[in-house]
């Protein structure tokens, strides 16, 4: 069975395709099936936003659609940026600027614990919906490091590591990441 990935984020497409292909799932990007729509993320939770995206892409493509909504939850900031991770500090900011904004907000804070959260939702043409979630716990670094990954990877140090997510190999990252864990949990439900 083929699944279409609902995301337009190329970093997420790479990660999800890598993990899902290792699990034997045939995936295509939404661009490969000619779907070019913008889905408003009006939900207040990761689950609500992922469901909105999965249903819209499933309806538009006629294929089962896998969507994720994910973000960074920082304890010292009361859970920010959360579902607003991709627009934190302003929609116009680049990933590097967003990381700098987060580091500046946390200046002089000793409490640096945080976690990445990912919710995966798959919508099927017959109306079925399945979901899974994964988390990666760690802390916010004092400054960005590394060239790999995307988003907040350069400022997030996962527990058990002395380097940021952006410094991990793709294989290391997929093994511990919130998205990798959510995709693996998704496979347990699908198979």
Protein backbone atom coordinates (compact mmCIF):
# COMPACT_ATOMS: atom_id res chain seq x y z
CA UNK A 1 0.00 0.00 0.00
CA UNK A 2 1.23 3.48 -0.84
CA UNK A 3 0.93 6.34 1.62
CA UNK A 4 1.29 10.03 0.85
CA UNK A 5 3.18 12.26 3.27
CA UNK A 6 1.09 15.30 4.11
CA UNK A 7 3.99 17.60 4.94
CA UNK A 8 5.59 20.11 2.59
CA UNK A 9 8.59 20.47 4.96
CA UNK A 10 11.50 18.87 3.09
CA UNK A 11 13.35 18.02 6.32
CA UNK A 12 10.32 16.11 7.58
CA UNK A 13 9.87 14.39 4.20
CA UNK A 14 13.50 13.16 4.34
CA UNK A 15 13.19 11.91 7.92
CA UNK A 16 9.78 10.28 7.48
CA UNK A 17 10.72 8.64 4.17
CA UNK A 18 13.92 7.27 5.71
CA UNK A 19 12.21 5.78 8.75
CA UNK A 20 9.15 4.46 6.90
CA UNK A 21 11.18 2.89 4.07
CA UNK A 22 13.27 1.02 6.66
CA UNK A 23 9.96 -0.33 7.99
CA UNK A 24 8.87 -1.45 4.51
CA UNK A 25 6.32 1.31 3.87
CA UNK A 26 6.09 2.81 0.37
CA UNK A 27 5.65 6.57 0.69
CA UNK A 28 5.40 9.42 -1.76
CA UNK A 29 5.43 13.14 -1.16
CA UNK A 30 2.30 15.16 -1.74
CA UNK A 31 4.08 16.90 -4.61
CA UNK A 32 4.66 13.55 -6.31
CA UNK A 33 0.89 12.96 -6.42
CA UNK A 34 0.10 16.52 -7.53
CA UNK A 35 -1.38 17.80 -4.26
CA UNK A 36 -0.52 21.43 -3.57
CA UNK A 37 -2.88 22.75 -0.92
CA UNK A 38 -2.33 24.76 2.24
CA UNK A 39 -3.97 23.32 5.32
CA UNK A 40 -4.71 25.83 8.06
CA UNK A 41 -3.34 24.53 11.37
CA UNK A 42 -6.13 25.85 13.57
CA UNK A 43 -5.92 23.13 16.24
CA UNK A 44 -4.77 23.79 19.77
CA UNK A 45 -2.97 20.42 20.07
CA UNK A 46 -0.49 18.45 17.99
CA UNK A 47 -3.18 15.76 17.48
CA UNK A 48 -5.75 18.24 16.18
CA UNK A 49 -3.31 19.81 13.70
CA UNK A 50 -1.99 16.45 12.43
CA UNK A 51 -5.57 15.21 11.95
CA UNK A 52 -6.52 18.32 9.96
CA UNK A 53 -3.54 17.83 7.63
CA UNK A 54 -3.96 14.06 7.21
CA UNK A 55 -7.67 14.32 6.36
CA UNK A 56 -7.17 17.16 3.87
CA UNK A 57 -4.33 15.42 2.02
CA UNK A 58 -6.18 12.07 2.03
CA UNK A 59 -9.27 13.75 0.56
CA UNK A 60 -7.21 15.57 -2.08
CA UNK A 61 -5.08 12.57 -3.12
CA UNK A 62 -7.41 9.60 -2.59
CA UNK A 63 -4.53 7.83 -0.82
CA UNK A 64 -3.94 7.11 2.86
CA UNK A 65 -2.16 10.21 4.17
CA UNK A 66 0.36 10.40 6.98
CA UNK A 67 0.70 13.76 8.70
CA UNK A 68 2.65 14.85 11.68
CA UNK A 69 2.52 17.82 13.94
CA UNK A 70 5.47 18.30 16.16
CA UNK A 71 7.20 20.87 18.24
CA UNK A 72 9.43 21.78 21.09
CA UNK A 73 8.14 22.11 24.64
CA UNK A 74 10.42 24.05 26.99
CA UNK A 75 9.65 23.69 30.70
CA UNK A 76 11.10 27.05 31.80
CA UNK A 77 8.94 28.81 29.20
CA UNK A 78 5.69 27.24 30.37
CA UNK A 79 5.57 24.83 27.41
CA UNK A 80 6.46 27.34 24.70
CA UNK A 81 6.79 27.20 21.78
CA UNK A 82 4.58 24.06 21.62
CA UNK A 83 2.16 23.94 18.68
CA UNK A 84 3.56 27.31 17.57
CA UNK A 85 7.12 25.99 17.17
CA UNK A 86 7.29 26.70 13.42
CA UNK A 87 6.23 30.34 13.85
CA UNK A 88 7.79 31.08 17.26
CA UNK A 89 9.13 34.61 17.36
CA UNK A 90 7.38 35.52 14.10
CA UNK A 91 6.41 33.79 10.88
CA UNK A 92 9.18 35.55 8.95
CA UNK A 93 12.05 34.04 10.99
CA UNK A 94 14.41 31.40 9.58
CA UNK A 95 15.28 28.27 11.57
CA UNK A 96 18.55 29.91 12.67
CA UNK A 97 16.75 33.09 13.77
CA UNK A 98 14.12 31.05 15.62
CA UNK A 99 16.87 29.18 17.50
CA UNK A 100 18.55 32.50 18.37
CA UNK A 101 15.21 33.86 19.60
CA UNK A 102 14.75 30.83 21.86
CA UNK A 103 18.30 31.08 23.23
CA UNK A 104 17.78 34.77 23.97
CA UNK A 105 14.49 34.09 25.79
CA UNK A 106 16.30 31.52 27.94
CA UNK A 107 19.26 33.77 28.71
CA UNK A 108 20.29 33.38 32.37
CA UNK A 109 17.81 30.52 32.96
CA UNK A 110 19.24 27.53 34.80
CA UNK A 111 16.24 25.27 34.14
CA UNK A 112 16.81 24.11 30.54
CA UNK A 113 14.79 20.88 30.33
CA UNK A 114 12.73 20.43 27.18
CA UNK A 115 11.28 17.79 24.92
CA UNK A 116 10.40 17.34 21.30
CA UNK A 117 6.90 15.91 20.79
CA UNK A 118 5.53 14.41 17.58
CA UNK A 119 2.02 13.18 16.85
CA UNK A 120 1.50 11.10 13.72
CA UNK A 121 -1.96 10.71 12.21
CA UNK A 122 -2.91 8.56 9.25
CA UNK A 123 -6.22 9.17 7.50
CA UNK A 124 -7.55 6.46 5.19
CA UNK A 125 -9.96 6.97 2.27
CA UNK A 126 -12.54 4.80 4.10
CA UNK A 127 -12.63 7.31 6.98
CA UNK A 128 -10.45 5.41 9.46
CA UNK A 129 -8.00 7.47 11.50
CA UNK A 130 -5.06 6.11 13.48
CA UNK A 131 -2.56 8.07 15.53
CA UNK A 132 0.60 7.65 17.57
CA UNK A 133 2.95 9.88 19.53
CA UNK A 134 6.64 10.01 20.34
CA UNK A 135 8.81 12.16 22.57
CA UNK A 136 12.51 12.91 22.85
CA UNK A 137 13.54 14.38 26.20
CA UNK A 138 16.58 16.59 26.65
CA UNK A 139 17.64 20.14 27.31
CA UNK A 140 18.26 23.42 25.51
CA UNK A 141 21.92 24.14 24.79
CA UNK A 142 23.51 27.48 25.62
CA UNK A 143 24.29 28.07 21.94
CA UNK A 144 23.60 26.37 18.59
CA UNK A 145 25.91 23.59 17.34
CA UNK A 146 25.87 21.35 14.30
CA UNK A 147 24.87 21.49 10.66
CA UNK A 148 22.49 18.51 10.39
CA UNK A 149 18.76 18.28 10.92
CA UNK A 150 16.45 21.27 10.82
CA UNK A 151 14.33 23.45 13.08
CA UNK A 152 15.49 23.47 16.70
CA UNK A 153 17.95 20.56 16.24
CA UNK A 154 21.03 22.82 16.70
CA UNK A 155 19.90 23.89 20.20
CA UNK A 156 18.46 20.60 21.53
CA UNK A 157 20.68 18.12 23.40
CA UNK A 158 18.90 14.77 23.87
CA UNK A 159 19.32 12.99 27.18
CA UNK A 160 22.28 10.61 27.11
CA UNK A 161 24.20 12.68 24.55
CA UNK A 162 26.80 15.42 24.79
CA UNK A 163 25.91 16.87 21.39
CA UNK A 164 22.89 18.46 19.79
CA UNK A 165 20.44 16.73 17.48
CA UNK A 166 22.08 18.67 14.62
CA UNK A 167 25.40 16.94 15.41
CA UNK A 168 23.97 13.40 15.33
CA UNK A 169 24.13 11.20 12.25
CA UNK A 170 20.76 10.65 10.55
CA UNK A 171 20.78 7.07 11.87
CA UNK A 172 21.44 8.19 15.45
CA UNK A 173 18.74 10.85 15.21
CA UNK A 174 16.11 8.52 13.71
CA UNK A 175 16.74 5.97 16.48
CA UNK A 176 15.96 8.44 19.31
CA UNK A 177 13.92 11.24 17.76
CA UNK A 178 10.34 12.04 18.61
CA UNK A 179 9.38 11.54 14.97
CA UNK A 180 11.19 8.20 14.74
CA UNK A 181 9.48 6.98 17.92
CA UNK A 182 6.07 8.16 16.70
CA UNK A 183 6.58 6.47 13.32
CA UNK A 184 7.66 3.22 14.98
CA UNK A 185 4.58 3.34 17.24
CA UNK A 186 2.47 4.05 14.13
CA UNK A 187 3.87 0.91 12.48
CA UNK A 188 2.84 -1.17 15.49
CA UNK A 189 -0.75 -0.01 14.97
CA UNK A 190 -0.76 -0.41 11.16
CA UNK A 191 0.89 -3.85 11.00
